[in-house]
């Protein structure tokens, strides 16, 4: 398994994401892509991390 290193600039609490270093609540990517699912986003809930990849259940 590849050793993942935290990116101190990207905090993340989404344990279900493959890129999340769960033990430290940081992302392991060099950068992320943020998008929206709304035509006119006005609140944080309208935004999405487009870099999200679901963690496989085998490696929880």
PDB file of N, CA and C in Angstrom:
ATOM      1  N   UNK A   1       0.852  -1.190   0.000  1.00  0.00           N
ATOM      2  CA  UNK A   1       0.000   0.000   0.000  1.00  0.00           C
ATOM      3  C   UNK A   1       0.887   1.239   0.000  1.00  0.00           C
ATOM      4  N   UNK A   2       0.526   2.239  -0.763  1.00  0.00           N
ATOM      5  CA  UNK A   2       1.279   3.486  -0.806  1.00  0.00           C
ATOM      6  C   UNK A   2       1.182   4.204   0.530  1.00  0.00           C
ATOM      7  N   UNK A   3       2.315   4.767   0.981  1.00  0.00           N
ATOM      8  CA  UNK A   3       2.297   5.555   2.207  1.00  0.00           C
ATOM      9  C   UNK A   3       1.710   6.917   1.892  1.00  0.00           C
ATOM     10  N   UNK A   4       0.708   7.307   2.653  1.00  0.00           N
ATOM     11  CA  UNK A   4       0.058   8.589   2.432  1.00  0.00           C
ATOM     12  C   UNK A   4       0.636   9.625   3.384  1.00  0.00           C
ATOM     13  N   UNK A   5       0.879  10.816   2.860  1.00  0.00           N
ATOM     14  CA  UNK A   5       1.427  11.906   3.654  1.00  0.00           C
ATOM     15  C   UNK A   5       0.404  13.028   3.692  1.00  0.00           C
ATOM     16  N   UNK A   6       0.175  13.580   4.877  1.00  0.00           N
ATOM     17  CA  UNK A   6      -0.834  14.625   4.996  1.00  0.00           C
ATOM     18  C   UNK A   6      -0.366  15.914   4.338  1.00  0.00           C
ATOM     19  N   UNK A   7      -1.342  16.625   3.781  1.00  0.00           N
ATOM     20  CA  UNK A   7      -1.111  17.966   3.257  1.00  0.00           C
ATOM     21  C   UNK A   7      -1.594  18.914   4.350  1.00  0.00           C
ATOM     22  N   UNK A   8      -0.671  19.598   4.997  1.00  0.00           N
ATOM     23  CA  UNK A   8      -1.017  20.453   6.130  1.00  0.00           C
ATOM     24  C   UNK A   8      -1.894  21.629   5.736  1.00  0.00           C
ATOM     25  N   UNK A   9      -2.080  21.847   4.439  1.00  0.00           N
ATOM     26  CA  UNK A   9      -2.910  22.952   3.960  1.00  0.00           C
ATOM     27  C   UNK A   9      -4.353  22.554   3.701  1.00  0.00           C
ATOM     28  N   UNK A  10      -4.643  21.242   3.750  1.00  0.00           N
ATOM     29  CA  UNK A  10      -6.003  20.781   3.435  1.00  0.00           C
ATOM     30  C   UNK A  10      -6.528  19.910   4.572  1.00  0.00           C
ATOM     31  N   UNK A  11      -7.321  20.480   5.460  1.00  0.00           N
ATOM     32  CA  UNK A  11      -7.970  19.710   6.517  1.00  0.00           C
ATOM     33  C   UNK A  11      -9.203  19.017   5.931  1.00  0.00           C
ATOM     34  N   UNK A  12      -9.493  17.834   6.441  1.00  0.00           N
ATOM     35  CA  UNK A  12     -10.652  17.086   5.939  1.00  0.00           C
ATOM     36  C   UNK A  12     -11.151  16.125   7.008  1.00  0.00           C
ATOM     37  N   UNK A  13     -12.458  16.108   7.217  1.00  0.00           N
ATOM     38  CA  UNK A  13     -13.086  15.206   8.176  1.00  0.00           C
ATOM     39  C   UNK A  13     -13.925  14.119   7.507  1.00  0.00           C
ATOM     40  N   UNK A  14     -13.772  13.949   6.202  1.00  0.00           N
ATOM     41  CA  UNK A  14     -14.573  12.966   5.472  1.00  0.00           C
ATOM     42  C   UNK A  14     -13.819  11.635   5.441  1.00  0.00           C
ATOM     43  N   UNK A  15     -14.040  10.826   6.461  1.00  0.00           N
ATOM     44  CA  UNK A  15     -13.330   9.552   6.594  1.00  0.00           C
ATOM     45  C   UNK A  15     -13.650   8.584   5.460  1.00  0.00           C
ATOM     46  N   UNK A  16     -14.756   8.785   4.782  1.00  0.00           N
ATOM     47  CA  UNK A  16     -15.148   7.893   3.694  1.00  0.00           C
ATOM     48  C   UNK A  16     -14.353   8.141   2.414  1.00  0.00           C
ATOM     49  N   UNK A  17     -13.533   9.195   2.383  1.00  0.00           N
ATOM     50  CA  UNK A  17     -12.743   9.506   1.187  1.00  0.00           C
ATOM     51  C   UNK A  17     -11.402   8.784   1.229  1.00  0.00           C
ATOM     52  N   UNK A  18     -11.024   8.208   0.121  1.00  0.00           N
ATOM     53  CA  UNK A  18      -9.761   7.489  -0.006  1.00  0.00           C
ATOM     54  C   UNK A  18      -8.562   8.394   0.282  1.00  0.00           C
ATOM     55  N   UNK A  19      -8.687   9.677   0.020  1.00  0.00           N
ATOM     56  CA  UNK A  19      -7.578  10.613   0.178  1.00  0.00           C
ATOM     57  C   UNK A  19      -7.455  11.175   1.593  1.00  0.00           C
ATOM     58  N   UNK A  20      -8.350  10.787   2.488  1.00  0.00           N
ATOM     59  CA  UNK A  20      -8.338  11.314   3.851  1.00  0.00           C
ATOM     60  C   UNK A  20      -7.394  10.510   4.727  1.00  0.00           C
ATOM     61  N   UNK A  21      -6.490  11.196   5.428  1.00  0.00           N
ATOM     62  CA  UNK A  21      -5.633  10.559   6.419  1.00  0.00           C
ATOM     63  C   UNK A  21      -6.413  10.609   7.730  1.00  0.00           C
ATOM     64  N   UNK A  22      -7.232   9.605   7.947  1.00  0.00           N
ATOM     65  CA  UNK A  22      -8.229   9.584   9.013  1.00  0.00           C
ATOM     66  C   UNK A  22      -7.624   9.861  10.391  1.00  0.00           C
ATOM     67  N   UNK A  23      -6.458   9.324  10.657  1.00  0.00           N
ATOM     68  CA  UNK A  23      -5.849   9.485  11.980  1.00  0.00           C
ATOM     69  C   UNK A  23      -5.502  10.930  12.304  1.00  0.00           C
ATOM     70  N   UNK A  24      -5.375  11.782  11.268  1.00  0.00           N
ATOM     71  CA  UNK A  24      -4.984  13.170  11.505  1.00  0.00           C
ATOM     72  C   UNK A  24      -5.956  14.198  10.907  1.00  0.00           C
ATOM     73  N   UNK A  25      -7.009  13.748  10.237  1.00  0.00           N
ATOM     74  CA  UNK A  25      -8.032  14.622   9.651  1.00  0.00           C
ATOM     75  C   UNK A  25      -7.464  15.605   8.622  1.00  0.00           C
ATOM     76  N   UNK A  26      -6.605  15.095   7.758  1.00  0.00           N
ATOM     77  CA  UNK A  26      -6.046  15.888   6.664  1.00  0.00           C
ATOM     78  C   UNK A  26      -6.182  15.115   5.365  1.00  0.00           C
ATOM     79  N   UNK A  27      -6.167  15.852   4.260  1.00  0.00           N
ATOM     80  CA  UNK A  27      -6.174  15.266   2.926  1.00  0.00           C
ATOM     81  C   UNK A  27      -4.736  14.914   2.545  1.00  0.00           C
ATOM     82  N   UNK A  28      -4.581  13.883   1.726  1.00  0.00           N
ATOM     83  CA  UNK A  28      -3.251  13.488   1.287  1.00  0.00           C
ATOM     84  C   UNK A  28      -2.932  13.965  -0.124  1.00  0.00           C
ATOM     85  N   UNK A  29      -3.874  14.632  -0.777  1.00  0.00           N
ATOM     86  CA  UNK A  29      -3.622  15.142  -2.127  1.00  0.00           C
ATOM     87  C   UNK A  29      -2.788  16.418  -2.084  1.00  0.00           C
ATOM     88  N   UNK A  30      -2.080  16.710  -3.174  1.00  0.00           N
ATOM     89  CA  UNK A  30      -1.329  17.962  -3.282  1.00  0.00           C
ATOM     90  C   UNK A  30      -2.266  19.148  -3.423  1.00  0.00           C
ATOM     91  N   UNK A  31      -3.381  18.922  -4.094  1.00  0.00           N
ATOM     92  CA  UNK A  31      -4.403  19.957  -4.254  1.00  0.00           C
ATOM     93  C   UNK A  31      -5.742  19.271  -4.457  1.00  0.00           C
ATOM     94  N   UNK A  32      -6.826  20.010  -4.249  1.00  0.00           N
ATOM     95  CA  UNK A  32      -8.169  19.474  -4.468  1.00  0.00           C
ATOM     96  C   UNK A  32      -8.917  20.380  -5.437  1.00  0.00           C
ATOM     97  N   UNK A  33      -9.998  19.857  -5.972  1.00  0.00           N
ATOM     98  CA  UNK A  33     -10.877  20.622  -6.844  1.00  0.00           C
ATOM     99  C   UNK A  33     -12.209  20.806  -6.130  1.00  0.00           C
ATOM    100  N   UNK A  34     -12.635  22.059  -5.989  1.00  0.00           N
ATOM    101  CA  UNK A  34     -13.904  22.360  -5.339  1.00  0.00           C
ATOM    102  C   UNK A  34     -14.875  22.837  -6.401  1.00  0.00           C
ATOM    103  N   UNK A  35     -16.091  22.314  -6.361  1.00  0.00           N
ATOM    104  CA  UNK A  35     -17.115  22.692  -7.334  1.00  0.00           C
ATOM    105  C   UNK A  35     -18.446  22.896  -6.641  1.00  0.00           C
ATOM    106  N   UNK A  36     -19.481  22.963  -7.461  1.00  0.00           N
ATOM    107  CA  UNK A  36     -20.829  23.137  -6.934  1.00  0.00           C
ATOM    108  C   UNK A  36     -21.813  22.293  -7.732  1.00  0.00           C
ATOM    109  N   UNK A  37     -22.923  21.961  -7.101  1.00  0.00           N
ATOM    110  CA  UNK A  37     -24.003  21.242  -7.767  1.00  0.00           C
ATOM    111  C   UNK A  37     -25.212  22.162  -7.952  1.00  0.00           C
ATOM    112  N   UNK A  38     -25.017  23.445  -7.689  1.00  0.00           N
ATOM    113  CA  UNK A  38     -26.088  24.437  -7.790  1.00  0.00           C
ATOM    114  C   UNK A  38     -25.773  25.452  -8.888  1.00  0.00           C
ATOM    115  N   UNK A  39     -26.808  26.018  -9.472  1.00  0.00           N
ATOM    116  CA  UNK A  39     -26.629  27.046 -10.486  1.00  0.00           C
ATOM    117  C   UNK A  39     -26.136  28.354  -9.866  1.00  0.00           C
ATOM    118  N   UNK A  40     -26.622  28.648  -8.648  1.00  0.00           N
ATOM    119  CA  UNK A  40     -26.254  29.892  -7.976  1.00  0.00           C
ATOM    120  C   UNK A  40     -25.972  29.584  -6.498  1.00  0.00           C
ATOM    121  N   UNK A  41     -24.776  29.054  -6.181  1.00  0.00           N
ATOM    122  CA  UNK A  41     -24.491  28.670  -4.799  1.00  0.00           C
ATOM    123  C   UNK A  41     -24.465  29.873  -3.864  1.00  0.00           C
ATOM    124  N   UNK A  42     -25.115  29.715  -2.705  1.00  0.00           N
ATOM    125  CA  UNK A  42     -25.191  30.825  -1.744  1.00  0.00           C
ATOM    126  C   UNK A  42     -24.796  30.412  -0.324  1.00  0.00           C
ATOM    127  N   UNK A  43     -24.661  29.116  -0.072  1.00  0.00           N
ATOM    128  CA  UNK A  43     -24.278  28.625   1.251  1.00  0.00           C
ATOM    129  C   UNK A  43     -23.252  27.496   1.087  1.00  0.00           C
ATOM    130  N   UNK A  44     -22.458  27.224   2.113  1.00  0.00           N
ATOM    131  CA  UNK A  44     -21.436  26.176   2.000  1.00  0.00           C
ATOM    132  C   UNK A  44     -21.976  24.818   1.545  1.00  0.00           C
ATOM    133  N   UNK A  45     -23.197  24.500   1.923  1.00  0.00           N
ATOM    134  CA  UNK A  45     -23.791  23.212   1.548  1.00  0.00           C
ATOM    135  C   UNK A  45     -23.969  23.048   0.042  1.00  0.00           C
ATOM    136  N   UNK A  46     -23.841  24.122  -0.696  1.00  0.00           N
ATOM    137  CA  UNK A  46     -23.962  24.071  -2.154  1.00  0.00           C
ATOM    138  C   UNK A  46     -22.657  23.691  -2.834  1.00  0.00           C
ATOM    139  N   UNK A  47     -21.572  23.567  -2.075  1.00  0.00           N
ATOM    140  CA  UNK A  47     -20.272  23.269  -2.669  1.00  0.00           C
ATOM    141  C   UNK A  47     -19.878  21.817  -2.437  1.00  0.00           C
ATOM    142  N   UNK A  48     -18.988  21.316  -3.281  1.00  0.00           N
ATOM    143  CA  UNK A  48     -18.568  19.919  -3.244  1.00  0.00           C
ATOM    144  C   UNK A  48     -17.062  19.812  -3.421  1.00  0.00           C
ATOM    145  N   UNK A  49     -16.463  18.804  -2.811  1.00  0.00           N
ATOM    146  CA  UNK A  49     -15.075  18.467  -3.101  1.00  0.00           C
ATOM    147  C   UNK A  49     -15.113  17.512  -4.296  1.00  0.00           C
ATOM    148  N   UNK A  50     -14.720  18.006  -5.456  1.00  0.00           N
ATOM    149  CA  UNK A  50     -14.744  17.176  -6.660  1.00  0.00           C
ATOM    150  C   UNK A  50     -13.593  16.172  -6.693  1.00  0.00           C
ATOM    151  N   UNK A  51     -12.704  16.218  -5.724  1.00  0.00           N
ATOM    152  CA  UNK A  51     -11.597  15.278  -5.631  1.00  0.00           C
ATOM    153  C   UNK A  51     -11.969  14.043  -4.810  1.00  0.00           C
ATOM    154  N   UNK A  52     -13.162  14.034  -4.248  1.00  0.00           N
ATOM    155  CA  UNK A  52     -13.626  12.915  -3.413  1.00  0.00           C
ATOM    156  C   UNK A  52     -13.645  11.621  -4.195  1.00  0.00           C
ATOM    157  N   UNK A  53     -13.060  10.564  -3.589  1.00  0.00           N
ATOM    158  CA  UNK A  53     -13.129   9.199  -4.119  1.00  0.00           C
ATOM    159  C   UNK A  53     -13.487   8.327  -2.927  1.00  0.00           C
ATOM    160  N   UNK A  54     -14.544   7.541  -3.050  1.00  0.00           N
ATOM    161  CA  UNK A  54     -14.978   6.721  -1.930  1.00  0.00           C
ATOM    162  C   UNK A  54     -13.916   5.686  -1.575  1.00  0.00           C
ATOM    163  N   UNK A  55     -13.666   5.546  -0.288  1.00  0.00           N
ATOM    164  CA  UNK A  55     -12.714   4.561   0.225  1.00  0.00           C
ATOM    165  C   UNK A  55     -13.356   3.185   0.078  1.00  0.00           C
ATOM    166  N   UNK A  56     -12.588   2.205  -0.381  1.00  0.00           N
ATOM    167  CA  UNK A  56     -13.146   0.858  -0.522  1.00  0.00           C
ATOM    168  C   UNK A  56     -13.419   0.279   0.866  1.00  0.00           C
ATOM    169  N   UNK A  57     -14.494  -0.474   0.989  1.00  0.00           N
ATOM    170  CA  UNK A  57     -14.914  -1.003   2.283  1.00  0.00           C
ATOM    171  C   UNK A  57     -13.928  -2.009   2.836  1.00  0.00           C
ATOM    172  N   UNK A  58     -13.099  -2.582   1.988  1.00  0.00           N
ATOM    173  CA  UNK A  58     -12.157  -3.604   2.463  1.00  0.00           C
ATOM    174  C   UNK A  58     -11.047  -3.029   3.320  1.00  0.00           C
ATOM    175  N   UNK A  59     -10.770  -1.719   3.143  1.00  0.00           N
ATOM    176  CA  UNK A  59      -9.579  -1.143   3.806  1.00  0.00           C
ATOM    177  C   UNK A  59      -9.941  -0.106   4.829  1.00  0.00           C
ATOM    178  N   UNK A  60     -11.248   0.058   5.143  1.00  0.00           N
ATOM    179  CA  UNK A  60     -11.798   1.001   6.076  1.00  0.00           C
ATOM    180  C   UNK A  60     -10.865   1.773   6.845  1.00  0.00           C
TER     181      UNK A  60
END
